[in-house]
Protein backbone atom coordinates (compact mmCIF):
# COMPACT_ATOMS: atom_id res chain seq x y z
CA MET A 1 -0.03 0.00 0.01
CA ILE A 2 2.88 2.38 0.84
CA HIS A 3 4.43 1.70 -2.57
CA LYS A 4 1.16 2.69 -4.29
CA GLY A 5 1.01 5.91 -2.24
CA LYS A 6 4.53 6.87 -3.20
CA GLU A 7 3.80 6.04 -6.83
CA LEU A 8 0.65 8.20 -6.77
CA TRP A 9 2.51 11.09 -5.12
CA GLY A 10 5.26 10.79 -7.70
CA LYS A 11 2.75 10.97 -10.58
CA LEU A 12 1.03 13.97 -8.95
CA TRP A 13 4.36 15.78 -8.42
CA HIS A 14 5.37 15.10 -12.05
CA THR A 15 2.01 16.43 -13.29
CA LEU A 16 2.41 19.54 -11.17
CA LEU A 17 5.88 20.18 -12.56
CA ASN A 18 4.53 19.76 -16.08
CA LEU A 19 1.75 22.22 -15.30
CA LEU A 20 4.32 24.74 -14.09
CA LYS A 21 6.41 24.29 -17.22
CA PHE A 22 3.29 24.46 -19.38
CA SER A 23 2.22 27.75 -17.71
CA SER A 24 5.64 29.24 -18.31
CA SER A 25 5.48 28.09 -21.95
CA SER A 26 2.03 29.63 -22.32
CA LEU A 27 3.34 32.94 -20.99
CA LEU A 28 6.18 32.85 -23.56
CA GLY A 29 3.62 32.01 -26.22
CA THR A 30 1.60 35.04 -25.22
CA PHE A 31 4.63 37.27 -25.71
CA VAL A 32 5.32 35.65 -29.11
CA ASP A 33 1.70 36.21 -30.10
CA LEU A 34 1.71 39.89 -29.07
CA GLY A 35 5.18 40.54 -30.53
CA VAL A 36 4.36 39.02 -33.90
CA LEU A 37 1.01 40.79 -33.97
CA TRP A 38 2.69 44.10 -33.19
CA ALA A 39 5.35 43.54 -35.90
CA LEU A 40 2.75 42.58 -38.51
CA THR A 41 0.43 45.51 -37.82
CA THR A 42 3.31 47.96 -37.53
CA TYR A 43 5.56 46.90 -40.42
CA ILE A 44 3.89 44.40 -42.78
CA PHE A 45 0.25 45.49 -42.70
CA PRO A 46 0.42 48.92 -41.10
CA GLU A 47 -3.04 49.84 -39.77
CA HIS A 48 -2.63 53.50 -40.56
CA ARG A 49 -1.93 52.84 -44.28
CA LEU A 50 -4.77 50.37 -44.88
CA PRO A 51 -8.52 51.03 -45.18
CA GLU A 52 -10.37 50.95 -41.91
CA GLY A 53 -11.40 47.40 -40.89
CA ASP A 54 -9.01 45.80 -43.40
CA ALA A 55 -8.98 42.01 -43.04
CA ARG A 56 -5.22 41.89 -43.02
CA VAL A 57 -5.15 43.85 -39.80
CA TRP A 58 -8.11 42.27 -38.00
CA TYR A 59 -7.96 38.65 -39.29
CA LEU A 60 -4.79 37.71 -41.10
CA SER A 61 -2.36 39.29 -38.64
CA PRO A 62 -3.96 37.72 -35.56
CA ALA A 63 -4.17 34.38 -37.31
CA ILE A 64 -0.43 34.48 -38.24
CA SER A 65 0.58 35.62 -34.73
CA PHE A 66 -1.58 32.90 -33.11
CA GLU A 67 -0.01 30.23 -35.30
CA MET A 68 3.52 31.49 -34.57
CA ALA A 69 2.73 31.33 -30.84
CA ALA A 70 1.25 27.86 -31.21
CA LEU A 71 4.42 26.70 -33.01
CA ALA A 72 6.67 28.20 -30.31
CA ASN A 73 4.57 26.51 -27.53
CA PHE A 74 4.58 23.23 -29.41
CA CYS A 75 8.35 23.23 -29.77
CA ILE A 76 8.69 23.89 -26.01
CA SER A 77 6.21 21.09 -25.28
CA TYR A 78 7.83 18.61 -27.68
CA PHE A 79 11.45 19.25 -26.82
CA TYR A 80 11.21 20.19 -23.14
CA ILE A 81 7.96 19.64 -21.23
CA TRP A 82 6.96 16.22 -22.52
CA LYS A 83 10.29 15.11 -24.06
CA ASP A 84 10.29 11.99 -21.89
CA ARG A 85 7.10 10.84 -23.56
CA ILE A 86 8.50 11.04 -27.11
CA SER A 87 9.85 7.55 -27.92
CA HIS A 88 11.91 8.75 -30.88
CA ILE A 89 12.49 12.37 -31.82
CA SER A 90 12.26 12.71 -35.61
CA THR A 91 10.69 14.89 -38.25
CA LYS A 92 7.86 12.36 -38.68
CA SER A 93 7.25 12.24 -34.94
CA PHE A 94 7.35 16.03 -34.73
CA PHE A 95 4.62 16.45 -37.34
CA ARG A 96 2.64 13.45 -36.05
CA HIS A 97 2.36 15.31 -32.69
CA PHE A 98 2.04 18.79 -34.21
CA LEU A 99 -1.13 18.19 -36.21
CA PRO A 100 -3.33 17.14 -33.20
CA TYR A 101 -1.62 19.80 -31.08
CA ASN A 102 -2.47 22.51 -33.58
CA LEU A 103 -6.05 21.25 -33.95
CA SER A 104 -6.54 21.11 -30.20
CA THR A 105 -5.00 24.61 -29.71
CA THR A 106 -7.38 26.00 -32.37
CA GLY A 107 -10.33 24.26 -30.69
CA VAL A 108 -9.35 25.60 -27.28
CA PHE A 109 -9.00 29.09 -28.83
CA LEU A 110 -12.60 28.85 -30.03
CA VAL A 111 -13.70 27.73 -26.56
CA LYS A 112 -11.87 30.78 -25.15
CA LEU A 113 -13.82 33.04 -27.51
CA ALA A 114 -17.07 31.40 -26.42
CA VAL A 115 -16.19 31.79 -22.69
CA MET A 116 -15.31 35.41 -23.30
CA ASN A 117 -18.66 35.94 -25.03
CA VAL A 118 -20.57 34.31 -22.18
CA LEU A 119 -18.66 36.40 -19.57
CA SER A 120 -19.24 39.62 -21.46
CA SER A 121 -22.97 38.81 -21.61
CA LEU A 122 -23.17 37.97 -17.86
CA PHE A 123 -20.92 40.82 -16.70
CA SER A 124 -21.46 43.69 -19.08
CA SER A 125 -19.24 45.97 -17.02
CA TRP A 126 -16.18 43.76 -17.60
CA SER A 127 -13.68 44.78 -20.26
CA PRO A 128 -12.58 42.35 -23.00
CA VAL A 129 -9.22 42.17 -21.19
CA GLY A 130 -10.99 41.02 -17.97
CA CYS A 131 -13.07 38.47 -19.86
CA ASN A 132 -9.99 37.24 -21.62
CA PHE A 133 -8.10 36.91 -18.36
CA VAL A 134 -10.76 34.68 -16.82
CA ALA A 135 -11.21 32.73 -20.05
CA LEU A 136 -7.46 32.06 -20.15
CA PHE A 137 -7.66 30.29 -16.80
CA VAL A 138 -10.52 28.11 -18.01
CA THR A 139 -8.95 27.25 -21.35
CA GLY A 140 -5.44 27.00 -19.99
CA GLY A 141 -6.56 24.17 -17.80
CA LEU A 142 -8.37 22.51 -20.70
CA ASN A 143 -5.34 22.96 -22.96
CA PHE A 144 -3.02 21.42 -20.33
CA ALA A 145 -5.34 18.45 -19.85
CA ILE A 146 -5.47 17.77 -23.58
CA ASN A 147 -1.72 17.86 -23.84
CA GLU A 148 -0.94 15.93 -20.62
CA TRP A 149 -3.41 13.10 -21.09
CA GLY A 150 -4.08 13.26 -24.87
CA ILE A 151 -1.40 14.44 -27.27
CA PHE A 152 1.64 13.72 -25.05
CA HIS A 153 0.10 10.93 -22.91
CA LYS A 154 2.56 8.59 -21.35
CA ARG A 155 2.80 5.31 -23.21
CA LYS A 156 3.72 2.24 -21.30
CA THR A 157 7.09 0.70 -21.95
CA PRO A 158 7.10 -2.95 -23.22
CA GLN A 159 8.30 -3.97 -19.79
CA GLU A 160 5.45 -2.14 -18.08
CA GLN A 161 2.95 -3.76 -20.49
CA LEU A 162 4.37 -7.18 -19.69
CA GLU A 163 4.32 -6.61 -15.94
CA GLU A 164 0.67 -5.43 -16.16
CA GLN A 165 -0.25 -8.55 -18.20
CA LEU A 166 1.51 -10.79 -15.66
CA GLU A 167 -0.17 -9.03 -12.77
CA GLY A 168 -3.54 -9.45 -14.50
CA SER A 169 -2.90 -13.12 -15.09
CA LEU A 170 -1.82 -13.69 -11.50
CA ASN A 171 -4.99 -11.90 -10.27
CA GLU A 172 -7.17 -14.01 -12.51
CA GLU A 173 -5.42 -17.19 -11.30
CA HIS A 174 -5.75 -16.09 -7.67
CA THR A 175 -9.44 -15.40 -8.17
CA ALA A 176 -9.99 -18.72 -9.83
CA ASN A 177 -8.09 -20.58 -7.01
CA ASN A 178 -10.23 -18.79 -4.36
CA ASN A 179 -13.42 -19.73 -6.20
CA CYS A 180 -12.29 -23.40 -6.29
CA LYS A 181 -11.46 -23.38 -2.57
CA HIS A 182 -14.93 -22.02 -1.71
CA THR A 183 -16.53 -24.64 -3.88
CA ASP A 184 -14.45 -27.47 -2.40
CA ASN A 185 -15.22 -26.46 1.16
CA ALA A 186 -18.91 -26.12 0.62
CA PRO A 187 -20.94 -28.61 2.70
CA GLU A 188 -22.78 -31.38 0.82
CA ARG A 189 -26.58 -31.54 1.08
């Protein structure tokens, strides 16, 4: 029982460390997003030189900056946060992980927009920044969960799989033996 408690505590500690690393990575991603957006709207698609409401300023620039931030966060996740869960680092592995990561990040972004919309409806006095701040906590947790237990979930080693199979076989055998003993000891009528 003590072994299981230590094992559980170790898993919890490892998950908390990953959460801390992930939060730091997300903060860096926010800076990348804002920096790229600023550079695009200042130098590439300058807002003051384009017609008001131009799609390049309001849609293309944020989409590019979001994707750059997602790529930066993914690289940190792949090479640092969850590197111990990558069996073989290669170009194929990189893109095999990046596609679901990018799709989940986009989905979480849409959830964030929905949460912001709900919050702005419920609390009309809140600014978009306030709604965004609260939505980031909700979606940050969701994004971490998707990465921790989905995209970068820990696969069992062949040895762990074998041990699990042996343990299952021993449990089945033990249960079968106990059932036989109970049957053998039953009084005859």
